[in-house]
Amino acid sequence: MGTIHPDTGSTGLGRRDAPLRIQRTYAPDGLRLSGELDRDNCAAVRAALAAGVRADGGDLHLDVAGLVFWDVHGMRTVARAAASLPGGGRLVLHGASAPLRTLFELAGWGEVPGLIWAREEER
């Protein structure tokens, strides 16, 4: 499976060797990811998402606009996190490109319960 480079909106296999940065956000409540999301750092993303889960079951927002590389392991990590949110909470993806959404759909994760694409949410 190819990768997604949000800054170009194209698929490809190249990497930019950008380290993953995970930042907490408060308006909206969630996380901002930048750099590369791959199998080597999925555990850190899982831990950050778990730490950000709201006890009241509220939404957790994930800004992925700063990611320059995703692999299938990163996609699966996000999909599984969305599916496992407690209390009806949702994982709202912000900054995801159309090609990324297409890859999620092709992998069978486009309609995972709890996974919301920000453009849908804003309607």
PDB file of N, CA and C in Angstrom:
ATOM      1  N   MET A   1       0.850  -1.170   0.000  1.00  0.00           N
ATOM      2  CA  MET A   1       0.000   0.000   0.000  1.00  0.00           C
ATOM      3  C   MET A   1       0.892   1.227   0.000  1.00  0.00           C
ATOM      4  N   GLY A   2       0.479   2.238  -0.702  1.00  0.00           N
ATOM      5  CA  GLY A   2       1.255   3.471  -0.778  1.00  0.00           C
ATOM      6  C   GLY A   2       1.134   4.281   0.486  1.00  0.00           C
ATOM      7  N   THR A   3       1.730   5.414   0.472  1.00  0.00           N
ATOM      8  CA  THR A   3       1.678   6.328   1.599  1.00  0.00           C
ATOM      9  C   THR A   3       0.970   7.589   1.160  1.00  0.00           C
ATOM     10  N   ILE A   4       0.647   8.419   2.098  1.00  0.00           N
ATOM     11  CA  ILE A   4       0.010   9.688   1.787  1.00  0.00           C
ATOM     12  C   ILE A   4       0.920  10.803   2.258  1.00  0.00           C
ATOM     13  N   HIS A   5       1.125  11.742   1.391  1.00  0.00           N
ATOM     14  CA  HIS A   5       1.861  12.952   1.723  1.00  0.00           C
ATOM     15  C   HIS A   5       0.850  14.093   1.706  1.00  0.00           C
ATOM     16  N   PRO A   6       0.322  14.494   2.883  1.00  0.00           N
ATOM     17  CA  PRO A   6      -0.740  15.484   2.917  1.00  0.00           C
ATOM     18  C   PRO A   6      -0.374  16.802   2.258  1.00  0.00           C
ATOM     19  N   ASP A   7       0.888  17.160   2.281  1.00  0.00           N
ATOM     20  CA  ASP A   7       1.254  18.451   1.717  1.00  0.00           C
ATOM     21  C   ASP A   7       1.135  18.464   0.195  1.00  0.00           C
ATOM     22  N   THR A   8       1.200  17.319  -0.448  1.00  0.00           N
ATOM     23  CA  THR A   8       1.049  17.266  -1.891  1.00  0.00           C
ATOM     24  C   THR A   8      -0.246  16.582  -2.282  1.00  0.00           C
ATOM     25  N   GLY A   9      -0.844  15.859  -1.346  1.00  0.00           N
ATOM     26  CA  GLY A   9      -2.068  15.142  -1.649  1.00  0.00           C
ATOM     27  C   GLY A   9      -1.843  13.956  -2.567  1.00  0.00           C
ATOM     28  N   SER A  10      -0.605  13.541  -2.740  1.00  0.00           N
ATOM     29  CA  SER A  10      -0.329  12.442  -3.656  1.00  0.00           C
ATOM     30  C   SER A  10       0.081  11.206  -2.876  1.00  0.00           C
ATOM     31  N   THR A  11      -0.052  10.070  -3.543  1.00  0.00           N
ATOM     32  CA  THR A  11       0.438   8.849  -2.929  1.00  0.00           C
ATOM     33  C   THR A  11       1.853   8.612  -3.406  1.00  0.00           C
ATOM     34  N   GLY A  12       2.615   7.889  -2.617  1.00  0.00           N
ATOM     35  CA  GLY A  12       3.990   7.612  -2.992  1.00  0.00           C
ATOM     36  C   GLY A  12       4.633   6.707  -1.985  1.00  0.00           C
ATOM     37  N   LEU A  13       5.817   6.296  -2.266  1.00  0.00           N
ATOM     38  CA  LEU A  13       6.546   5.416  -1.365  1.00  0.00           C
ATOM     39  C   LEU A  13       7.719   6.111  -0.701  1.00  0.00           C
ATOM     40  N   GLY A  14       8.001   7.325  -1.067  1.00  0.00           N
ATOM     41  CA  GLY A  14       9.137   8.043  -0.506  1.00  0.00           C
ATOM     42  C   GLY A  14       8.927   8.427   0.936  1.00  0.00           C
ATOM     43  N   ARG A  15      10.019   8.649   1.635  1.00  0.00           N
ATOM     44  CA  ARG A  15       9.969   9.099   3.022  1.00  0.00           C
ATOM     45  C   ARG A  15      10.828  10.326   3.164  1.00  0.00           C
ATOM     46  N   ARG A  16      10.511  11.133   4.136  1.00  0.00           N
ATOM     47  CA  ARG A  16      11.244  12.372   4.348  1.00  0.00           C
ATOM     48  C   ARG A  16      12.061  12.348   5.641  1.00  0.00           C
ATOM     49  N   ASP A  17      11.986  11.256   6.372  1.00  0.00           N
ATOM     50  CA  ASP A  17      12.712  11.127   7.631  1.00  0.00           C
ATOM     51  C   ASP A  17      12.409  12.258   8.609  1.00  0.00           C
ATOM     52  N   ALA A  18      11.143  12.603   8.711  1.00  0.00           N
ATOM     53  CA  ALA A  18      10.706  13.610   9.670  1.00  0.00           C
ATOM     54  C   ALA A  18      10.258  12.894  10.934  1.00  0.00           C
ATOM     55  N   PRO A  19      10.867  13.189  12.068  1.00  0.00           N
ATOM     56  CA  PRO A  19      10.459  12.510  13.305  1.00  0.00           C
ATOM     57  C   PRO A  19       9.016  12.864  13.656  1.00  0.00           C
ATOM     58  N   LEU A  20       8.353  11.945  14.313  1.00  0.00           N
ATOM     59  CA  LEU A  20       6.981  12.175  14.742  1.00  0.00           C
ATOM     60  C   LEU A  20       6.970  13.138  15.913  1.00  0.00           C
ATOM     61  N   ARG A  21       6.080  14.116  15.842  1.00  0.00           N
ATOM     62  CA  ARG A  21       5.836  15.026  16.966  1.00  0.00           C
ATOM     63  C   ARG A  21       4.376  14.879  17.356  1.00  0.00           C
ATOM     64  N   ILE A  22       4.146  14.738  18.638  1.00  0.00           N
ATOM     65  CA  ILE A  22       2.786  14.625  19.172  1.00  0.00           C
ATOM     66  C   ILE A  22       2.595  15.802  20.125  1.00  0.00           C
ATOM     67  N   GLN A  23       1.598  16.625  19.824  1.00  0.00           N
ATOM     68  CA  GLN A  23       1.319  17.785  20.664  1.00  0.00           C
ATOM     69  C   GLN A  23      -0.118  17.724  21.152  1.00  0.00           C
ATOM     70  N   ARG A  24      -0.333  18.081  22.391  1.00  0.00           N
ATOM     71  CA  ARG A  24      -1.673  18.142  22.966  1.00  0.00           C
ATOM     72  C   ARG A  24      -2.341  19.417  22.491  1.00  0.00           C
ATOM     73  N   THR A  25      -3.615  19.345  22.149  1.00  0.00           N
ATOM     74  CA  THR A  25      -4.390  20.533  21.803  1.00  0.00           C
ATOM     75  C   THR A  25      -5.552  20.660  22.786  1.00  0.00           C
ATOM     76  N   TYR A  26      -6.008  21.893  22.978  1.00  0.00           N
ATOM     77  CA  TYR A  26      -7.071  22.130  23.953  1.00  0.00           C
ATOM     78  C   TYR A  26      -8.316  22.762  23.347  1.00  0.00           C
ATOM     79  N   ALA A  27      -8.201  23.320  22.181  1.00  0.00           N
ATOM     80  CA  ALA A  27      -9.363  23.904  21.518  1.00  0.00           C
ATOM     81  C   ALA A  27      -9.267  23.602  20.036  1.00  0.00           C
ATOM     82  N   PRO A  28      -9.709  22.435  19.607  1.00  0.00           N
ATOM     83  CA  PRO A  28     -10.480  21.422  20.342  1.00  0.00           C
ATOM     84  C   PRO A  28      -9.576  20.471  21.133  1.00  0.00           C
ATOM     85  N   ASP A  29     -10.195  19.744  22.021  1.00  0.00           N
ATOM     86  CA  ASP A  29      -9.509  18.803  22.896  1.00  0.00           C
ATOM     87  C   ASP A  29      -8.978  17.624  22.082  1.00  0.00           C
ATOM     88  N   GLY A  30      -7.664  17.447  22.067  1.00  0.00           N
ATOM     89  CA  GLY A  30      -7.114  16.330  21.299  1.00  0.00           C
ATOM     90  C   GLY A  30      -5.620  16.391  21.117  1.00  0.00           C
ATOM     91  N   LEU A  31      -5.186  15.941  19.938  1.00  0.00           N
ATOM     92  CA  LEU A  31      -3.760  15.839  19.618  1.00  0.00           C
ATOM     93  C   LEU A  31      -3.494  16.371  18.216  1.00  0.00           C
ATOM     94  N   ARG A  32      -2.270  16.851  18.022  1.00  0.00           N
ATOM     95  CA  ARG A  32      -1.787  17.238  16.702  1.00  0.00           C
ATOM     96  C   ARG A  32      -0.561  16.389  16.407  1.00  0.00           C
ATOM     97  N   LEU A  33      -0.580  15.694  15.258  1.00  0.00           N
ATOM     98  CA  LEU A  33       0.554  14.879  14.839  1.00  0.00           C
ATOM     99  C   LEU A  33       1.259  15.546  13.672  1.00  0.00           C
ATOM    100  N   SER A  34       2.579  15.509  13.688  1.00  0.00           N
ATOM    101  CA  SER A  34       3.340  16.008  12.551  1.00  0.00           C
ATOM    102  C   SER A  34       4.548  15.104  12.363  1.00  0.00           C
ATOM    103  N   GLY A  35       5.066  15.083  11.135  1.00  0.00           N
ATOM    104  CA  GLY A  35       6.191  14.210  10.810  1.00  0.00           C
ATOM    105  C   GLY A  35       5.696  12.931  10.165  1.00  0.00           C
ATOM    106  N   GLU A  36       6.240  11.809  10.609  1.00  0.00           N
ATOM    107  CA  GLU A  36       5.912  10.499  10.038  1.00  0.00           C
ATOM    108  C   GLU A  36       5.208   9.624  11.059  1.00  0.00           C
ATOM    109  N   LEU A  37       4.149   8.963  10.626  1.00  0.00           N
ATOM    110  CA  LEU A  37       3.435   7.991  11.462  1.00  0.00           C
ATOM    111  C   LEU A  37       3.615   6.628  10.812  1.00  0.00           C
ATOM    112  N   ASP A  38       4.386   5.769  11.479  1.00  0.00           N
ATOM    113  CA  ASP A  38       4.672   4.454  10.903  1.00  0.00           C
ATOM    114  C   ASP A  38       4.763   3.416  12.010  1.00  0.00           C
ATOM    115  N   ARG A  39       5.091   2.203  11.652  1.00  0.00           N
ATOM    116  CA  ARG A  39       5.078   1.111  12.633  1.00  0.00           C
ATOM    117  C   ARG A  39       6.063   1.345  13.770  1.00  0.00           C
ATOM    118  N   ASP A  40       7.105   2.125  13.522  1.00  0.00           N
ATOM    119  CA  ASP A  40       8.104   2.361  14.564  1.00  0.00           C
ATOM    120  C   ASP A  40       7.606   3.267  15.688  1.00  0.00           C
ATOM    121  N   ASN A  41       6.583   4.071  15.439  1.00  0.00           N
ATOM    122  CA  ASN A  41       6.123   4.974  16.489  1.00  0.00           C
ATOM    123  C   ASN A  41       4.631   4.844  16.810  1.00  0.00           C
ATOM    124  N   CYS A  42       4.003   3.796  16.325  1.00  0.00           N
ATOM    125  CA  CYS A  42       2.574   3.580  16.605  1.00  0.00           C
ATOM    126  C   CYS A  42       2.300   3.422  18.098  1.00  0.00           C
ATOM    127  N   ALA A  43       3.208   2.813  18.825  1.00  0.00           N
ATOM    128  CA  ALA A  43       2.995   2.635  20.269  1.00  0.00           C
ATOM    129  C   ALA A  43       2.899   3.989  20.968  1.00  0.00           C
ATOM    130  N   ALA A  44       3.719   4.942  20.559  1.00  0.00           N
ATOM    131  CA  ALA A  44       3.663   6.283  21.151  1.00  0.00           C
ATOM    132  C   ALA A  44       2.337   6.969  20.826  1.00  0.00           C
ATOM    133  N   VAL A  45       1.846   6.776  19.620  1.00  0.00           N
ATOM    134  CA  VAL A  45       0.567   7.366  19.234  1.00  0.00           C
ATOM    135  C   VAL A  45      -0.570   6.705  20.009  1.00  0.00           C
ATOM    136  N   ARG A  46      -0.524   5.376  20.132  1.00  0.00           N
ATOM    137  CA  ARG A  46      -1.545   4.671  20.925  1.00  0.00           C
ATOM    138  C   ARG A  46      -1.574   5.198  22.358  1.00  0.00           C
ATOM    139  N   ALA A  47      -0.406   5.361  22.951  1.00  0.00           N
ATOM    140  CA  ALA A  47      -0.326   5.847  24.330  1.00  0.00           C
ATOM    141  C   ALA A  47      -0.859   7.282  24.438  1.00  0.00           C
ATOM    142  N   ALA A  48      -0.521   8.118  23.492  1.00  0.00           N
ATOM    143  CA  ALA A  48      -0.997   9.510  23.520  1.00  0.00           C
ATOM    144  C   ALA A  48      -2.504   9.571  23.336  1.00  0.00           C
ATOM    145  N   LEU A  49      -3.031   8.757  22.427  1.00  0.00           N
ATOM    146  CA  LEU A  49      -4.478   8.726  22.231  1.00  0.00           C
ATOM    147  C   LEU A  49      -5.181   8.208  23.482  1.00  0.00           C
ATOM    148  N   ALA A  50      -4.641   7.174  24.096  1.00  0.00           N
ATOM    149  CA  ALA A  50      -5.238   6.626  25.320  1.00  0.00           C
ATOM    150  C   ALA A  50      -5.226   7.664  26.437  1.00  0.00           C
ATOM    151  N   ALA A  51      -4.143   8.431  26.540  1.00  0.00           N
ATOM    152  CA  ALA A  51      -4.054   9.458  27.574  1.00  0.00           C
ATOM    153  C   ALA A  51      -5.025  10.604  27.309  1.00  0.00           C
ATOM    154  N   GLY A  52      -5.377  10.825  26.048  1.00  0.00           N
ATOM    155  CA  GLY A  52      -6.270  11.913  25.702  1.00  0.00           C
ATOM    156  C   GLY A  52      -7.741  11.581  25.771  1.00  0.00           C
ATOM    157  N   VAL A  53      -8.076  10.304  25.980  1.00  0.00           N
ATOM    158  CA  VAL A  53      -9.481   9.897  26.026  1.00  0.00           C
ATOM    159  C   VAL A  53     -10.173  10.581  27.195  1.00  0.00           C
ATOM    160  N   ARG A  54     -11.332  11.133  26.907  1.00  0.00           N
ATOM    161  CA  ARG A  54     -12.098  11.838  27.928  1.00  0.00           C
ATOM    162  C   ARG A  54     -12.943  10.866  28.727  1.00  0.00           C
ATOM    163  N   ALA A  55     -12.957  11.043  30.026  1.00  0.00           N
ATOM    164  CA  ALA A  55     -13.738  10.170  30.908  1.00  0.00           C
ATOM    165  C   ALA A  55     -15.231  10.295  30.637  1.00  0.00           C
ATOM    166  N   ASP A  56     -15.660  11.463  30.155  1.00  0.00           N
ATOM    167  CA  ASP A  56     -17.090  11.667  29.913  1.00  0.00           C
ATOM    168  C   ASP A  56     -17.538  11.149  28.549  1.00  0.00           C
ATOM    169  N   GLY A  57     -16.617  10.509  27.808  1.00  0.00           N
ATOM    170  CA  GLY A  57     -16.978   9.961  26.505  1.00  0.00           C
ATOM    171  C   GLY A  57     -17.054  11.000  25.407  1.00  0.00           C
ATOM    172  N   GLY A  58     -16.533  12.195  25.662  1.00  0.00           N
ATOM    173  CA  GLY A  58     -16.560  13.249  24.651  1.00  0.00           C
ATOM    174  C   GLY A  58     -15.628  12.946  23.488  1.00  0.00           C
ATOM    175  N   ASP A  59     -15.725  13.766  22.467  1.00  0.00           N
ATOM    176  CA  ASP A  59     -14.918  13.580  21.269  1.00  0.00           C
ATOM    177  C   ASP A  59     -13.449  13.895  21.527  1.00  0.00           C
ATOM    178  N   LEU A  60     -12.601  13.174  20.826  1.00  0.00           N
ATOM    179  CA  LEU A  60     -11.164  13.421  20.825  1.00  0.00           C
ATOM    180  C   LEU A  60     -10.802  13.821  19.407  1.00  0.00           C
ATOM    181  N   HIS A  61     -10.170  14.971  19.251  1.00  0.00           N
ATOM    182  CA  HIS A  61      -9.828  15.493  17.929  1.00  0.00           C
ATOM    183  C   HIS A  61      -8.374  15.166  17.614  1.00  0.00           C
ATOM    184  N   LEU A  62      -8.137  14.752  16.373  1.00  0.00           N
ATOM    185  CA  LEU A  62      -6.792  14.395  15.930  1.00  0.00           C
ATOM    186  C   LEU A  62      -6.478  15.166  14.662  1.00  0.00           C
ATOM    187  N   ASP A  63      -5.552  16.120  14.790  1.00  0.00           N
ATOM    188  CA  ASP A  63      -5.128  16.933  13.651  1.00  0.00           C
ATOM    189  C   ASP A  63      -3.953  16.236  12.983  1.00  0.00           C
ATOM    190  N   VAL A  64      -4.161  15.780  11.750  1.00  0.00           N
ATOM    191  CA  VAL A  64      -3.131  15.026  11.024  1.00  0.00           C
ATOM    192  C   VAL A  64      -2.564  15.811   9.849  1.00  0.00           C
ATOM    193  N   ALA A  65      -2.903  17.098   9.756  1.00  0.00           N
ATOM    194  CA  ALA A  65      -2.457  17.903   8.611  1.00  0.00           C
ATOM    195  C   ALA A  65      -0.935  17.984   8.517  1.00  0.00           C
ATOM    196  N   GLY A  66      -0.239  17.862   9.632  1.00  0.00           N
ATOM    197  CA  GLY A  66       1.216  17.982   9.638  1.00  0.00           C
ATOM    198  C   GLY A  66       1.962  16.693   9.339  1.00  0.00           C
ATOM    199  N   LEU A  67       1.237  15.608   9.110  1.00  0.00           N
ATOM    200  CA  LEU A  67       1.914  14.352   8.786  1.00  0.00           C
ATOM    201  C   LEU A  67       2.372  14.369   7.334  1.00  0.00           C
ATOM    202  N   VAL A  68       3.623  13.992   7.120  1.00  0.00           N
ATOM    203  CA  VAL A  68       4.161  13.911   5.756  1.00  0.00           C
ATOM    204  C   VAL A  68       4.261  12.466   5.290  1.00  0.00           C
ATOM    205  N   PHE A  69       3.976  11.526   6.193  1.00  0.00           N
ATOM    206  CA  PHE A  69       4.059  10.102   5.849  1.00  0.00           C
ATOM    207  C   PHE A  69       3.141   9.318   6.763  1.00  0.00           C
ATOM    208  N   TRP A  70       2.344   8.433   6.172  1.00  0.00           N
ATOM    209  CA  TRP A  70       1.523   7.466   6.903  1.00  0.00           C
ATOM    210  C   TRP A  70       1.815   6.108   6.296  1.00  0.00           C
ATOM    211  N   ASP A  71       1.869   5.082   7.121  1.00  0.00           N
ATOM    212  CA  ASP A  71       1.860   3.732   6.551  1.00  0.00           C
ATOM    213  C   ASP A  71       0.619   3.015   7.090  1.00  0.00           C
ATOM    214  N   VAL A  72       0.440   1.799   6.647  1.00  0.00           N
ATOM    215  CA  VAL A  72      -0.758   1.051   7.023  1.00  0.00           C
ATOM    216  C   VAL A  72      -0.816   0.819   8.536  1.00  0.00           C
ATOM    217  N   HIS A  73       0.315   0.737   9.193  1.00  0.00           N
ATOM    218  CA  HIS A  73       0.337   0.555  10.653  1.00  0.00           C
ATOM    219  C   HIS A  73      -0.232   1.797  11.346  1.00  0.00           C
ATOM    220  N   GLY A  74       0.115   2.967  10.849  1.00  0.00           N
ATOM    221  CA  GLY A  74      -0.426   4.198  11.410  1.00  0.00           C
ATOM    222  C   GLY A  74      -1.916   4.317  11.189  1.00  0.00           C
ATOM    223  N   MET A  75      -2.365   3.943   9.994  1.00  0.00           N
ATOM    224  CA  MET A  75      -3.793   3.970   9.699  1.00  0.00           C
ATOM    225  C   MET A  75      -4.551   3.027  10.629  1.00  0.00           C
ATOM    226  N   ARG A  76      -4.024   1.832  10.813  1.00  0.00           N
ATOM    227  CA  ARG A  76      -4.676   0.844  11.682  1.00  0.00           C
ATOM    228  C   ARG A  76      -4.712   1.347  13.124  1.00  0.00           C
ATOM    229  N   THR A  77      -3.651   1.987  13.581  1.00  0.00           N
ATOM    230  CA  THR A  77      -3.605   2.528  14.933  1.00  0.00           C
ATOM    231  C   THR A  77      -4.727   3.531  15.151  1.00  0.00           C
ATOM    232  N   VAL A  78      -4.921   4.426  14.195  1.00  0.00           N
ATOM    233  CA  VAL A  78      -5.972   5.438  14.300  1.00  0.00           C
ATOM    234  C   VAL A  78      -7.354   4.781  14.243  1.00  0.00           C
ATOM    235  N   ALA A  79      -7.547   3.847  13.326  1.00  0.00           N
ATOM    236  CA  ALA A  79      -8.841   3.171  13.202  1.00  0.00           C
ATOM    237  C   ALA A  79      -9.186   2.402  14.474  1.00  0.00           C
ATOM    238  N   ARG A  80      -8.236   1.687  15.019  1.00  0.00           N
ATOM    239  CA  ARG A  80      -8.495   0.919  16.247  1.00  0.00           C
ATOM    240  C   ARG A  80      -8.768   1.830  17.428  1.00  0.00           C
ATOM    241  N   ALA A  81      -8.054   2.950  17.497  1.00  0.00           N
ATOM    242  CA  ALA A  81      -8.296   3.897  18.585  1.00  0.00           C
ATOM    243  C   ALA A  81      -9.721   4.438  18.503  1.00  0.00           C
ATOM    244  N   ALA A  82     -10.170   4.764  17.296  1.00  0.00           N
ATOM    245  CA  ALA A  82     -11.530   5.275  17.116  1.00  0.00           C
ATOM    246  C   ALA A  82     -12.563   4.233  17.538  1.00  0.00           C
ATOM    247  N   ALA A  83     -12.351   3.005  17.149  1.00  0.00           N
ATOM    248  CA  ALA A  83     -13.305   1.941  17.441  1.00  0.00           C
ATOM    249  C   ALA A  83     -13.371   1.596  18.929  1.00  0.00           C
ATOM    250  N   SER A  84     -12.337   1.950  19.672  1.00  0.00           N
ATOM    251  CA  SER A  84     -12.294   1.550  21.082  1.00  0.00           C
ATOM    252  C   SER A  84     -12.592   2.691  22.053  1.00  0.00           C
ATOM    253  N   LEU A  85     -13.022   3.848  21.558  1.00  0.00           N
ATOM    254  CA  LEU A  85     -13.320   4.954  22.469  1.00  0.00           C
ATOM    255  C   LEU A  85     -14.529   4.617  23.323  1.00  0.00           C
ATOM    256  N   PRO A  86     -14.447   4.895  24.615  1.00  0.00           N
ATOM    257  CA  PRO A  86     -15.556   4.542  25.516  1.00  0.00           C
ATOM    258  C   PRO A  86     -16.687   5.559  25.478  1.00  0.00           C
ATOM    259  N   GLY A  87     -17.841   5.128  25.909  1.00  0.00           N
ATOM    260  CA  GLY A  87     -18.961   6.029  26.145  1.00  0.00           C
ATOM    261  C   GLY A  87     -19.482   6.774  24.938  1.00  0.00           C
ATOM    262  N   GLY A  88     -19.350   6.202  23.762  1.00  0.00           N
ATOM    263  CA  GLY A  88     -19.848   6.879  22.566  1.00  0.00           C
ATOM    264  C   GLY A  88     -18.949   7.984  22.058  1.00  0.00           C
ATOM    265  N   GLY A  89     -17.747   8.076  22.622  1.00  0.00           N
ATOM    266  CA  GLY A  89     -16.802   9.091  22.154  1.00  0.00           C
ATOM    267  C   GLY A  89     -16.400   8.836  20.708  1.00  0.00           C
ATOM    268  N   ARG A  90     -16.016   9.908  20.032  1.00  0.00           N
ATOM    269  CA  ARG A  90     -15.619   9.795  18.631  1.00  0.00           C
ATOM    270  C   ARG A  90     -14.219  10.371  18.451  1.00  0.00           C
ATOM    271  N   LEU A  91     -13.502   9.833  17.486  1.00  0.00           N
ATOM    272  CA  LEU A  91     -12.203  10.363  17.093  1.00  0.00           C
ATOM    273  C   LEU A  91     -12.436  11.163  15.819  1.00  0.00           C
ATOM    274  N   VAL A  92     -12.266  12.467  15.906  1.00  0.00           N
ATOM    275  CA  VAL A  92     -12.540  13.361  14.789  1.00  0.00           C
ATOM    276  C   VAL A  92     -11.216  13.719  14.120  1.00  0.00           C
ATOM    277  N   LEU A  93     -11.060  13.298  12.866  1.00  0.00           N
ATOM    278  CA  LEU A  93      -9.828  13.570  12.112  1.00  0.00           C
ATOM    279  C   LEU A  93      -9.925  14.921  11.422  1.00  0.00           C
ATOM    280  N   HIS A  94      -8.934  15.756  11.658  1.00  0.00           N
ATOM    281  CA  HIS A  94      -8.832  17.070  11.014  1.00  0.00           C
ATOM    282  C   HIS A  94      -7.617  17.070  10.099  1.00  0.00           C
ATOM    283  N   GLY A  95      -7.746  17.730   8.965  1.00  0.00           N
ATOM    284  CA  GLY A  95      -6.610  17.900   8.068  1.00  0.00           C
ATOM    285  C   GLY A  95      -6.268  16.686   7.231  1.00  0.00           C
ATOM    286  N   ALA A  96      -7.151  15.713   7.168  1.00  0.00           N
ATOM    287  CA  ALA A  96      -6.899  14.512   6.372  1.00  0.00           C
ATOM    288  C   ALA A  96      -7.217  14.808   4.908  1.00  0.00           C
ATOM    289  N   SER A  97      -6.319  14.422   4.028  1.00  0.00           N
ATOM    290  CA  SER A  97      -6.517  14.652   2.597  1.00  0.00           C
ATOM    291  C   SER A  97      -7.526  13.665   2.019  1.00  0.00           C
ATOM    292  N   ALA A  98      -8.059  14.000   0.872  1.00  0.00           N
ATOM    293  CA  ALA A  98      -8.981  13.092   0.174  1.00  0.00           C
ATOM    294  C   ALA A  98      -8.302  11.764  -0.170  1.00  0.00           C
ATOM    295  N   PRO A  99      -7.028  11.767  -0.644  1.00  0.00           N
ATOM    296  CA  PRO A  99      -6.374  10.477  -0.908  1.00  0.00           C
ATOM    297  C   PRO A  99      -6.203   9.627   0.351  1.00  0.00           C
ATOM    298  N   LEU A 100      -5.978  10.272   1.498  1.00  0.00           N
ATOM    299  CA  LEU A 100      -5.869   9.503   2.736  1.00  0.00           C
ATOM    300  C   LEU A 100      -7.197   8.837   3.058  1.00  0.00           C
ATOM    301  N   ARG A 101      -8.267   9.562   2.910  1.00  0.00           N
ATOM    302  CA  ARG A 101      -9.585   8.974   3.174  1.00  0.00           C
ATOM    303  C   ARG A 101      -9.848   7.803   2.228  1.00  0.00           C
ATOM    304  N   THR A 102      -9.448   7.945   0.981  1.00  0.00           N
ATOM    305  CA  THR A 102      -9.604   6.863   0.019  1.00  0.00           C
ATOM    306  C   THR A 102      -8.835   5.627   0.467  1.00  0.00           C
ATOM    307  N   LEU A 103      -7.616   5.816   0.959  1.00  0.00           N
ATOM    308  CA  LEU A 103      -6.840   4.671   1.452  1.00  0.00           C
ATOM    309  C   LEU A 103      -7.505   4.030   2.664  1.00  0.00           C
ATOM    310  N   PHE A 104      -8.053   4.844   3.568  1.00  0.00           N
ATOM    311  CA  PHE A 104      -8.781   4.289   4.709  1.00  0.00           C
ATOM    312  C   PHE A 104      -9.948   3.435   4.213  1.00  0.00           C
ATOM    313  N   GLU A 105     -10.671   3.934   3.214  1.00  0.00           N
ATOM    314  CA  GLU A 105     -11.810   3.193   2.678  1.00  0.00           C
ATOM    315  C   GLU A 105     -11.360   1.899   2.001  1.00  0.00           C
ATOM    316  N   LEU A 106     -10.283   1.958   1.228  1.00  0.00           N
ATOM    317  CA  LEU A 106      -9.787   0.760   0.551  1.00  0.00           C
ATOM    318  C   LEU A 106      -9.328  -0.299   1.546  1.00  0.00           C
ATOM    319  N   ALA A 107      -8.802   0.148   2.674  1.00  0.00           N
ATOM    320  CA  ALA A 107      -8.340  -0.787   3.704  1.00  0.00           C
ATOM    321  C   ALA A 107      -9.500  -1.315   4.563  1.00  0.00           C
ATOM    322  N   GLY A 108     -10.700  -0.775   4.361  1.00  0.00           N
ATOM    323  CA  GLY A 108     -11.853  -1.215   5.136  1.00  0.00           C
ATOM    324  C   GLY A 108     -12.062  -0.438   6.415  1.00  0.00           C
ATOM    325  N   TRP A 109     -11.363   0.681   6.592  1.00  0.00           N
ATOM    326  CA  TRP A 109     -11.464   1.468   7.821  1.00  0.00           C
ATOM    327  C   TRP A 109     -12.166   2.802   7.624  1.00  0.00           C
ATOM    328  N   GLY A 110     -12.754   3.027   6.475  1.00  0.00           N
ATOM    329  CA  GLY A 110     -13.397   4.309   6.198  1.00  0.00           C
ATOM    330  C   GLY A 110     -14.653   4.565   7.010  1.00  0.00           C
ATOM    331  N   GLU A 111     -15.318   3.508   7.418  1.00  0.00           N
ATOM    332  CA  GLU A 111     -16.568   3.640   8.166  1.00  0.00           C
ATOM    333  C   GLU A 111     -16.469   2.998   9.544  1.00  0.00           C
ATOM    334  N   VAL A 112     -15.294   3.007  10.129  1.00  0.00           N
ATOM    335  CA  VAL A 112     -15.101   2.447  11.472  1.00  0.00           C
ATOM    336  C   VAL A 112     -15.974   3.226  12.457  1.00  0.00           C
ATOM    337  N   PRO A 113     -16.733   2.520  13.307  1.00  0.00           N
ATOM    338  CA  PRO A 113     -17.526   3.222  14.322  1.00  0.00           C
ATOM    339  C   PRO A 113     -16.616   4.112  15.173  1.00  0.00           C
ATOM    340  N   GLY A 114     -17.054   5.338  15.371  1.00  0.00           N
ATOM    341  CA  GLY A 114     -16.282   6.270  16.183  1.00  0.00           C
ATOM    342  C   GLY A 114     -15.309   7.114  15.399  1.00  0.00           C
ATOM    343  N   LEU A 115     -15.091   6.826  14.123  1.00  0.00           N
ATOM    344  CA  LEU A 115     -14.169   7.609  13.301  1.00  0.00           C
ATOM    345  C   LEU A 115     -14.968   8.604  12.475  1.00  0.00           C
ATOM    346  N   ILE A 116     -14.701   9.881  12.696  1.00  0.00           N
ATOM    347  CA  ILE A 116     -15.424  10.960  12.009  1.00  0.00           C
ATOM    348  C   ILE A 116     -14.411  11.805  11.255  1.00  0.00           C
ATOM    349  N   TRP A 117     -14.739  12.124  10.034  1.00  0.00           N
ATOM    350  CA  TRP A 117     -13.899  12.999   9.209  1.00  0.00           C
ATOM    351  C   TRP A 117     -14.383  14.428   9.425  1.00  0.00           C
ATOM    352  N   ALA A 118     -13.518  15.344   9.756  1.00  0.00           N
ATOM    353  CA  ALA A 118     -13.900  16.701  10.169  1.00  0.00           C
ATOM    354  C   ALA A 118     -14.832  17.383   9.187  1.00  0.00           C
ATOM    355  N   ARG A 119     -14.684  17.189   7.912  1.00  0.00           N
ATOM    356  CA  ARG A 119     -15.570  17.850   6.954  1.00  0.00           C
ATOM    357  C   ARG A 119     -17.013  17.406   7.150  1.00  0.00           C
ATOM    358  N   GLU A 120     -17.220  16.144   7.485  1.00  0.00           N
ATOM    359  CA  GLU A 120     -18.565  15.656   7.776  1.00  0.00           C
ATOM    360  C   GLU A 120     -19.095  16.315   9.033  1.00  0.00           C
ATOM    361  N   GLU A 121     -18.245  16.450  10.013  1.00  0.00           N
ATOM    362  CA  GLU A 121     -18.632  17.005  11.306  1.00  0.00           C
ATOM    363  C   GLU A 121     -19.060  18.469  11.168  1.00  0.00           C
ATOM    364  N   GLU A 122     -18.473  19.202  10.226  1.00  0.00           N
ATOM    365  CA  GLU A 122     -18.743  20.632  10.102  1.00  0.00           C
ATOM    366  C   GLU A 122     -20.035  20.926   9.335  1.00  0.00           C
ATOM    367  N   ARG A 123     -20.626  19.916   8.710  1.00  0.00           N
ATOM    368  CA  ARG A 123     -21.864  20.135   7.939  1.00  0.00           C
ATOM    369  C   ARG A 123     -23.017  20.526   8.798  1.00  0.00           C
TER     370      ARG A 123
END
